[in-house]
PDB file of N, CA and C in Angstrom:
ATOM      1  N   MET A   1      18.226   6.415   0.030  1.00  0.00           N
ATOM      2  CA  MET A   1      16.918   7.598   1.112  1.00  0.00           C
ATOM      3  C   MET A   1      15.443   6.785   0.959  1.00  0.00           C
ATOM      4  N   ALA A   2      15.180   6.143   2.194  1.00  0.00           N
ATOM      5  CA  ALA A   2      13.883   5.696   2.407  1.00  0.00           C
ATOM      6  C   ALA A   2      12.455   7.035   1.418  1.00  0.00           C
ATOM      7  N   LYS A   3      11.590   5.899   1.163  1.00  0.00           N
ATOM      8  CA  LYS A   3      10.580   6.487   0.108  1.00  0.00           C
ATOM      9  C   LYS A   3       9.087   6.213   1.175  1.00  0.00           C
ATOM     10  N   LYS A   4       8.130   6.953   1.370  1.00  0.00           N
ATOM     11  CA  LYS A   4       6.738   7.123   2.150  1.00  0.00           C
ATOM     12  C   LYS A   4       6.104   6.396   1.581  1.00  0.00           C
ATOM     13  N   VAL A   5       5.565   5.789   1.413  1.00  0.00           N
ATOM     14  CA  VAL A   5       3.888   4.908   0.902  1.00  0.00           C
ATOM     15  C   VAL A   5       2.926   5.751   1.677  1.00  0.00           C
ATOM     16  N   VAL A   6       1.999   6.115   0.769  1.00  0.00           N
ATOM     17  CA  VAL A   6       0.850   6.182   1.287  1.00  0.00           C
ATOM     18  C   VAL A   6      -0.311   5.841   0.533  1.00  0.00           C
ATOM     19  N   VAL A   7      -2.156   6.213   0.611  1.00  0.00           N
ATOM     20  CA  VAL A   7      -3.016   5.273   0.850  1.00  0.00           C
ATOM     21  C   VAL A   7      -4.058   6.448   0.422  1.00  0.00           C
ATOM     22  N   ASP A   8      -4.136   6.605  -1.070  1.00  0.00           N
ATOM     23  CA  ASP A   8      -5.335   7.048  -1.143  1.00  0.00           C
ATOM     24  C   ASP A   8      -6.480   6.737  -0.545  1.00  0.00           C
ATOM     25  N   ARG A   9      -7.093   7.133   0.201  1.00  0.00           N
ATOM     26  CA  ARG A   9      -8.341   5.973   1.415  1.00  0.00           C
ATOM     27  C   ARG A   9      -9.770   7.043   0.801  1.00  0.00           C
ATOM     28  N   GLU A  10      -9.928   8.250  -0.543  1.00  0.00           N
ATOM     29  CA  GLU A  10     -11.123   8.202  -0.890  1.00  0.00           C
ATOM     30  C   GLU A  10     -11.029   7.140  -1.821  1.00  0.00           C
ATOM     31  N   GLY A  11      -9.667   7.311  -2.943  1.00  0.00           N
ATOM     32  CA  GLY A  11      -9.819   6.218  -4.181  1.00  0.00           C
ATOM     33  C   GLY A  11      -9.901   5.236  -3.666  1.00  0.00           C
ATOM     34  N   CYS A  12      -9.234   4.459  -2.525  1.00  0.00           N
ATOM     35  CA  CYS A  12      -9.597   3.263  -1.608  1.00  0.00           C
ATOM     36  C   CYS A  12     -10.865   1.789  -1.803  1.00  0.00           C
ATOM     37  N   ILE A  13     -10.557   1.472  -3.110  1.00  0.00           N
ATOM     38  CA  ILE A  13     -12.372   0.515  -3.085  1.00  0.00           C
ATOM     39  C   ILE A  13     -11.846  -0.895  -1.979  1.00  0.00           C
ATOM     40  N   GLY A  14     -11.273  -0.430  -1.358  1.00  0.00           N
ATOM     41  CA  GLY A  14     -11.040  -1.717  -0.243  1.00  0.00           C
ATOM     42  C   GLY A  14     -11.164  -3.114  -0.967  1.00  0.00           C
ATOM     43  N   CYS A  15     -10.749  -3.439  -2.142  1.00  0.00           N
ATOM     44  CA  CYS A  15     -10.342  -4.569  -2.522  1.00  0.00           C
ATOM     45  C   CYS A  15      -9.681  -5.647  -1.717  1.00  0.00           C
ATOM     46  N   GLY A  16      -8.510  -5.076  -1.152  1.00  0.00           N
ATOM     47  CA  GLY A  16      -7.829  -6.335  -0.420  1.00  0.00           C
ATOM     48  C   GLY A  16      -6.368  -6.518  -1.117  1.00  0.00           C
ATOM     49  N   LEU A  17      -6.366  -6.433  -2.417  1.00  0.00           N
ATOM     50  CA  LEU A  17      -5.374  -6.981  -2.793  1.00  0.00           C
ATOM     51  C   LEU A  17      -4.201  -6.354  -2.048  1.00  0.00           C
ATOM     52  N   CYS A  18      -3.605  -5.473  -1.533  1.00  0.00           N
ATOM     53  CA  CYS A  18      -2.204  -5.268  -1.047  1.00  0.00           C
ATOM     54  C   CYS A  18      -2.384  -5.573  -0.617  1.00  0.00           C
ATOM     55  N   ALA A  19      -3.274  -5.433   0.435  1.00  0.00           N
ATOM     56  CA  ALA A  19      -3.068  -6.770   2.183  1.00  0.00           C
ATOM     57  C   ALA A  19      -2.659  -7.922   2.080  1.00  0.00           C
ATOM     58  N   SER A  20      -2.786  -8.482   0.244  1.00  0.00           N
ATOM     59  CA  SER A  20      -3.165  -9.996   0.468  1.00  0.00           C
ATOM     60  C   SER A  20      -1.461 -10.075  -0.400  1.00  0.00           C
ATOM     61  N   VAL A  21      -0.721  -9.108  -0.993  1.00  0.00           N
ATOM     62  CA  VAL A  21       0.192  -9.010  -1.650  1.00  0.00           C
ATOM     63  C   VAL A  21       1.552  -8.635  -0.956  1.00  0.00           C
ATOM     64  N   CYS A  22       1.388  -8.005   0.033  1.00  0.00           N
ATOM     65  CA  CYS A  22       2.293  -7.729   0.808  1.00  0.00           C
ATOM     66  C   CYS A  22       1.511  -7.003   2.120  1.00  0.00           C
ATOM     67  N   PRO A  23       1.631  -8.263   3.192  1.00  0.00           N
ATOM     68  CA  PRO A  23       0.957  -7.732   4.641  1.00  0.00           C
ATOM     69  C   PRO A  23       1.987  -7.313   5.698  1.00  0.00           C
ATOM     70  N   GLU A  24       3.212  -7.263   5.529  1.00  0.00           N
ATOM     71  CA  GLU A  24       4.092  -6.316   5.926  1.00  0.00           C
ATOM     72  C   GLU A  24       3.767  -5.059   5.853  1.00  0.00           C
ATOM     73  N   LEU A  25       3.634  -4.318   5.277  1.00  0.00           N
ATOM     74  CA  LEU A  25       3.114  -3.609   4.311  1.00  0.00           C
ATOM     75  C   LEU A  25       2.115  -2.584   4.836  1.00  0.00           C
ATOM     76  N   PHE A  26       0.766  -3.163   4.575  1.00  0.00           N
ATOM     77  CA  PHE A  26      -0.389  -3.316   4.437  1.00  0.00           C
ATOM     78  C   PHE A  26      -1.918  -4.153   5.114  1.00  0.00           C
ATOM     79  N   THR A  27      -3.118  -3.547   5.601  1.00  0.00           N
ATOM     80  CA  THR A  27      -3.433  -3.927   6.259  1.00  0.00           C
ATOM     81  C   THR A  27      -4.281  -3.473   5.973  1.00  0.00           C
ATOM     82  N   MET A  28      -6.022  -4.011   6.241  1.00  0.00           N
ATOM     83  CA  MET A  28      -7.630  -3.456   5.859  1.00  0.00           C
ATOM     84  C   MET A  28      -7.903  -2.873   7.437  1.00  0.00           C
ATOM     85  N   ASP A  29      -8.339  -2.067   7.194  1.00  0.00           N
ATOM     86  CA  ASP A  29      -8.559  -1.136   8.557  1.00  0.00           C
ATOM     87  C   ASP A  29     -10.537  -1.826   8.898  1.00  0.00           C
ATOM     88  N   ASP A  30     -10.976  -0.695   9.798  1.00  0.00           N
ATOM     89  CA  ASP A  30     -12.582  -1.395  10.321  1.00  0.00           C
ATOM     90  C   ASP A  30     -13.448  -0.752   9.351  1.00  0.00           C
ATOM     91  N   GLU A  31     -13.020   0.335   8.550  1.00  0.00           N
ATOM     92  CA  GLU A  31     -13.895   0.407   6.968  1.00  0.00           C
ATOM     93  C   GLU A  31     -13.646   0.167   6.279  1.00  0.00           C
ATOM     94  N   GLY A  32     -12.516  -1.521   6.433  1.00  0.00           N
ATOM     95  CA  GLY A  32     -12.772  -1.996   4.652  1.00  0.00           C
ATOM     96  C   GLY A  32     -11.629  -1.196   3.866  1.00  0.00           C
ATOM     97  N   LYS A  33     -10.913  -0.105   4.821  1.00  0.00           N
ATOM     98  CA  LYS A  33      -9.883   0.693   3.547  1.00  0.00           C
ATOM     99  C   LYS A  33      -8.579   0.660   3.645  1.00  0.00           C
ATOM    100  N   SER A  34      -7.688  -0.120   2.620  1.00  0.00           N
ATOM    101  CA  SER A  34      -6.577   0.005   3.104  1.00  0.00           C
ATOM    102  C   SER A  34      -5.585   0.572   4.154  1.00  0.00           C
ATOM    103  N   GLU A  35      -4.492   0.334   4.834  1.00  0.00           N
ATOM    104  CA  GLU A  35      -4.153   0.599   5.322  1.00  0.00           C
ATOM    105  C   GLU A  35      -2.715   0.904   5.744  1.00  0.00           C
ATOM    106  N   VAL A  36      -1.829   1.477   5.468  1.00  0.00           N
ATOM    107  CA  VAL A  36       0.173   1.811   5.511  1.00  0.00           C
ATOM    108  C   VAL A  36       0.508   1.102   7.066  1.00  0.00           C
ATOM    109  N   LEU A  37       0.538   0.051   7.123  1.00  0.00           N
ATOM    110  CA  LEU A  37       1.625   0.302   8.194  1.00  0.00           C
ATOM    111  C   LEU A  37       2.878   0.202   8.651  1.00  0.00           C
ATOM    112  N   VAL A  38       3.845   0.062   7.971  1.00  0.00           N
ATOM    113  CA  VAL A  38       5.418   0.883   7.656  1.00  0.00           C
ATOM    114  C   VAL A  38       4.909   1.919   6.575  1.00  0.00           C
ATOM    115  N   SER A  39       5.065   3.537   7.090  1.00  0.00           N
ATOM    116  CA  SER A  39       5.331   4.346   5.657  1.00  0.00           C
ATOM    117  C   SER A  39       6.839   4.462   4.964  1.00  0.00           C
ATOM    118  N   ASP A  40       7.606   4.766   5.886  1.00  0.00           N
ATOM    119  CA  ASP A  40       9.254   4.815   5.282  1.00  0.00           C
ATOM    120  C   ASP A  40       9.670   3.764   4.603  1.00  0.00           C
ATOM    121  N   VAL A  41       9.920   3.283   3.051  1.00  0.00           N
ATOM    122  CA  VAL A  41      10.172   2.171   3.134  1.00  0.00           C
ATOM    123  C   VAL A  41      11.875   2.403   2.424  1.00  0.00           C
ATOM    124  N   ASP A  42      12.679   1.626   2.093  1.00  0.00           N
ATOM    125  CA  ASP A  42      13.549   1.400   0.646  1.00  0.00           C
ATOM    126  C   ASP A  42      14.271   0.309   1.426  1.00  0.00           C
ATOM    127  N   GLY A  43      14.558  -0.197  -0.135  1.00  0.00           N
ATOM    128  CA  GLY A  43      15.495  -2.047  -0.313  1.00  0.00           C
ATOM    129  C   GLY A  43      14.000  -2.610  -1.017  1.00  0.00           C
ATOM    130  N   ASP A  44      14.193  -3.701  -0.317  1.00  0.00           N
ATOM    131  CA  ASP A  44      13.395  -4.838  -0.683  1.00  0.00           C
ATOM    132  C   ASP A  44      12.180  -4.035  -0.156  1.00  0.00           C
ATOM    133  N   LEU A  45      12.205  -3.480   0.505  1.00  0.00           N
ATOM    134  CA  LEU A  45      10.379  -3.100   0.830  1.00  0.00           C
ATOM    135  C   LEU A  45      10.337  -2.284  -0.139  1.00  0.00           C
ATOM    136  N   GLU A  46      10.801  -0.924  -0.131  1.00  0.00           N
ATOM    137  CA  GLU A  46      10.481  -0.062  -1.386  1.00  0.00           C
ATOM    138  C   GLU A  46      10.162  -0.974  -2.827  1.00  0.00           C
ATOM    139  N   ALA A  47      11.181  -1.797  -3.187  1.00  0.00           N
ATOM    140  CA  ALA A  47      10.310  -2.964  -4.408  1.00  0.00           C
ATOM    141  C   ALA A  47       9.044  -3.416  -4.002  1.00  0.00           C
ATOM    142  N   THR A  48       8.836  -3.793  -2.907  1.00  0.00           N
ATOM    143  CA  THR A  48       7.967  -4.659  -2.628  1.00  0.00           C
ATOM    144  C   THR A  48       6.791  -3.236  -2.743  1.00  0.00           C
ATOM    145  N   ALA A  49       6.353  -2.476  -2.318  1.00  0.00           N
ATOM    146  CA  ALA A  49       5.053  -1.093  -1.692  1.00  0.00           C
ATOM    147  C   ALA A  49       5.517  -0.973  -3.877  1.00  0.00           C
ATOM    148  N   GLU A  50       6.270  -0.642  -4.536  1.00  0.00           N
ATOM    149  CA  GLU A  50       6.050  -0.224  -5.616  1.00  0.00           C
ATOM    150  C   GLU A  50       5.768  -0.968  -6.694  1.00  0.00           C
ATOM    151  N   ASP A  51       5.719  -2.183  -6.842  1.00  0.00           N
ATOM    152  CA  ASP A  51       4.748  -3.720  -7.368  1.00  0.00           C
ATOM    153  C   ASP A  51       3.353  -3.234  -6.760  1.00  0.00           C
ATOM    154  N   THR A  52       3.443  -3.487  -5.274  1.00  0.00           N
ATOM    155  CA  THR A  52       2.156  -3.440  -4.850  1.00  0.00           C
ATOM    156  C   THR A  52       1.230  -2.115  -5.371  1.00  0.00           C
ATOM    157  N   ALA A  53       1.716  -1.244  -5.639  1.00  0.00           N
ATOM    158  CA  ALA A  53       1.967  -0.316  -6.272  1.00  0.00           C
ATOM    159  C   ALA A  53       0.464  -0.103  -7.578  1.00  0.00           C
ATOM    160  N   ALA A  54       1.731  -0.828  -8.599  1.00  0.00           N
ATOM    161  CA  ALA A  54       1.246  -1.001  -9.793  1.00  0.00           C
ATOM    162  C   ALA A  54       0.500  -1.773  -9.650  1.00  0.00           C
ATOM    163  N   GLN A  55      -0.197  -2.908  -8.884  1.00  0.00           N
ATOM    164  CA  GLN A  55      -1.397  -3.586  -9.097  1.00  0.00           C
ATOM    165  C   GLN A  55      -2.660  -3.497  -8.746  1.00  0.00           C
ATOM    166  N   CYS A  56      -2.863  -2.210  -7.359  1.00  0.00           N
ATOM    167  CA  CYS A  56      -3.884  -1.288  -7.315  1.00  0.00           C
ATOM    168  C   CYS A  56      -4.844  -1.248  -8.561  1.00  0.00           C
ATOM    169  N   PRO A  57      -6.079  -1.961  -8.332  1.00  0.00           N
ATOM    170  CA  PRO A  57      -6.717  -1.554  -9.455  1.00  0.00           C
ATOM    171  C   PRO A  57      -7.028  -0.118  -9.231  1.00  0.00           C
ATOM    172  N   VAL A  58      -7.469   0.328  -8.813  1.00  0.00           N
ATOM    173  CA  VAL A  58      -7.769   2.060  -8.268  1.00  0.00           C
ATOM    174  C   VAL A  58      -6.816   2.673  -9.033  1.00  0.00           C
ATOM    175  N   GLU A  59      -5.436   2.635  -8.572  1.00  0.00           N
ATOM    176  CA  GLU A  59      -3.771   3.398  -8.318  1.00  0.00           C
ATOM    177  C   GLU A  59      -4.534   4.393  -7.493  1.00  0.00           C
ATOM    178  N   ALA A  60      -4.945   3.531  -5.767  1.00  0.00           N
ATOM    179  CA  ALA A  60      -4.787   4.697  -4.155  1.00  0.00           C
ATOM    180  C   ALA A  60      -3.411   4.141  -3.846  1.00  0.00           C
ATOM    181  N   ILE A  61      -2.288   3.992  -4.295  1.00  0.00           N
ATOM    182  CA  ILE A  61      -1.268   3.219  -3.388  1.00  0.00           C
ATOM    183  C   ILE A  61      -0.250   4.356  -4.749  1.00  0.00           C
ATOM    184  N   LYS A  62       0.577   5.218  -3.500  1.00  0.00           N
ATOM    185  CA  LYS A  62       1.746   5.724  -4.105  1.00  0.00           C
ATOM    186  C   LYS A  62       2.725   5.867  -2.892  1.00  0.00           C
ATOM    187  N   VAL A  63       4.022   5.717  -3.857  1.00  0.00           N
ATOM    188  CA  VAL A  63       5.451   5.120  -2.715  1.00  0.00           C
ATOM    189  C   VAL A  63       6.181   6.267  -3.692  1.00  0.00           C
ATOM    190  N   GLU A  64       6.485   7.880  -3.027  1.00  0.00           N
ATOM    191  CA  GLU A  64       6.620   9.014  -3.096  1.00  0.00           C
ATOM    192  C   GLU A  64       8.723   8.840  -2.995  1.00  0.00           C
TER     193      GLU A  64
END
């Protein structure tokens, strides 16, 4: 079953790490905040999303 990727936009500091590590799932929006491109992930993308979430310095990314 696919998991959902979400970004806490208020917690996001706009460092851009997520978009650098995983450009297939994340981009930076006009406000300099992380934006999820594909919210439902499974398989390899799920593992990549979880790894990216673990690297977020403010824990603003959740994989549910």
